[in-house]
């Protein structure tokens, strides 16, 4: 069975409405996808048992300072925590939805 249904007409309608209401936001997101010289990306990072992030609060993780990475959300046991509070503690098996420079995202994945 299908887990996801994609409707091009609904996507186009949403995009047109967003472009009318929030043109700068839509232009920024489109720039990320269209320009090859922009090295920003969104990634899903899985926090493993041995990660240095385990049991560390977001505010103490230094992800922004050391990697220029923004944690947009945490997926924990199927629940979405967004935006995460600075005091939110990372747990094993969390999935972090992050945004930042591609080269730094690769380094973060190695943690």
Protein backbone atom coordinates (compact mmCIF):
# COMPACT_ATOMS: atom_id res chain seq x y z
CA UNK A 1 0.00 0.00 0.00
CA UNK A 2 0.99 3.59 -0.50
CA UNK A 3 2.25 5.59 2.45
CA UNK A 4 2.36 8.91 0.60
CA UNK A 5 0.14 10.45 -2.04
CA UNK A 6 1.54 13.23 -4.22
CA UNK A 7 -0.86 15.55 -6.00
CA UNK A 8 0.92 17.86 -8.47
CA UNK A 9 -2.18 20.07 -8.66
CA UNK A 10 -2.30 20.52 -4.88
CA UNK A 11 1.44 21.21 -4.73
CA UNK A 12 1.16 23.81 -7.50
CA UNK A 13 -1.79 25.48 -5.78
CA UNK A 14 0.06 25.65 -2.47
CA UNK A 15 3.14 27.03 -4.20
CA UNK A 16 1.17 29.76 -5.99
CA UNK A 17 -0.53 30.81 -2.75
CA UNK A 18 2.81 30.90 -0.91
CA UNK A 19 4.44 32.87 -3.72
CA UNK A 20 1.69 35.47 -3.46
CA UNK A 21 1.73 35.67 0.34
CA UNK A 22 5.42 35.14 1.11
CA UNK A 23 7.44 35.87 -2.03
CA UNK A 24 10.81 36.35 -0.28
CA UNK A 25 10.50 33.01 1.52
CA UNK A 26 9.58 31.15 -1.67
CA UNK A 27 12.45 32.81 -3.57
CA UNK A 28 14.93 31.81 -0.84
CA UNK A 29 13.84 28.16 -0.87
CA UNK A 30 13.86 28.08 -4.68
CA UNK A 31 17.40 29.50 -4.67
CA UNK A 32 18.55 26.54 -2.56
CA UNK A 33 17.28 24.09 -5.17
CA UNK A 34 18.16 25.96 -8.36
CA UNK A 35 21.65 27.35 -7.87
CA UNK A 36 24.61 25.03 -7.98
CA UNK A 37 26.87 27.57 -6.26
CA UNK A 38 24.76 27.53 -3.08
CA UNK A 39 26.05 24.88 -0.71
CA UNK A 40 23.18 24.82 1.79
CA UNK A 41 21.05 21.77 2.38
CA UNK A 42 18.50 20.18 4.65
CA UNK A 43 19.37 16.76 6.06
CA UNK A 44 18.09 14.10 8.39
CA UNK A 45 20.73 13.12 10.95
CA UNK A 46 20.16 9.99 13.02
CA UNK A 47 21.54 10.15 16.56
CA UNK A 48 23.17 6.80 17.33
CA UNK A 49 23.89 5.31 20.76
CA UNK A 50 27.57 6.26 20.54
CA UNK A 51 27.04 9.81 19.30
CA UNK A 52 28.66 12.66 21.21
CA UNK A 53 25.26 14.38 21.03
CA UNK A 54 23.48 11.79 23.20
CA UNK A 55 22.20 13.27 26.49
CA UNK A 56 23.42 16.72 25.47
CA UNK A 57 21.03 19.69 25.35
CA UNK A 58 20.64 21.54 22.06
CA UNK A 59 22.01 24.71 23.69
CA UNK A 60 25.16 22.83 24.78
CA UNK A 61 25.68 20.94 21.53
CA UNK A 62 27.61 23.75 19.78
CA UNK A 63 25.98 22.72 16.47
CA UNK A 64 25.44 26.35 15.50
CA UNK A 65 28.82 27.61 16.72
CA UNK A 66 31.00 24.77 15.38
CA UNK A 67 29.02 23.67 12.30
CA UNK A 68 26.79 26.65 11.38
CA UNK A 69 23.86 24.24 11.55
CA UNK A 70 20.30 24.98 12.61
CA UNK A 71 18.22 22.20 14.16
CA UNK A 72 14.77 22.73 12.69
CA UNK A 73 13.05 19.79 14.37
CA UNK A 74 13.59 16.53 16.23
CA UNK A 75 11.67 13.38 15.40
CA UNK A 76 11.42 11.20 18.49
CA UNK A 77 9.36 8.01 18.58
CA UNK A 78 7.28 9.23 15.65
CA UNK A 79 6.55 12.61 17.22
CA UNK A 80 7.77 15.91 15.77
CA UNK A 81 9.34 18.39 18.19
CA UNK A 82 9.49 21.75 16.41
CA UNK A 83 10.99 24.12 16.99
CA UNK A 84 13.04 22.34 19.64
CA UNK A 85 13.57 24.20 22.89
CA UNK A 86 17.24 25.08 23.60
CA UNK A 87 17.03 22.84 26.68
CA UNK A 88 15.81 19.83 24.65
CA UNK A 89 18.15 16.88 25.26
CA UNK A 90 19.12 14.62 22.36
CA UNK A 91 18.37 10.93 22.86
CA UNK A 92 19.57 7.83 21.03
CA UNK A 93 17.43 7.11 17.95
CA UNK A 94 16.36 10.75 17.59
CA UNK A 95 16.29 12.03 14.02
CA UNK A 96 17.39 15.64 13.67
CA UNK A 97 16.09 17.73 10.78
CA UNK A 98 18.93 20.17 10.22
CA UNK A 99 19.80 22.97 7.80
CA UNK A 100 23.26 24.28 6.99
CA UNK A 101 26.32 24.15 4.75
CA UNK A 102 26.67 20.79 2.98
CA UNK A 103 30.31 20.29 3.94
CA UNK A 104 29.54 20.87 7.63
CA UNK A 105 26.51 18.56 7.45
CA UNK A 106 28.83 15.80 6.24
CA UNK A 107 31.12 16.39 9.23
CA UNK A 108 28.16 16.32 11.59
CA UNK A 109 26.99 12.98 10.20
CA UNK A 110 30.31 11.47 11.28
CA UNK A 111 29.55 12.35 14.94
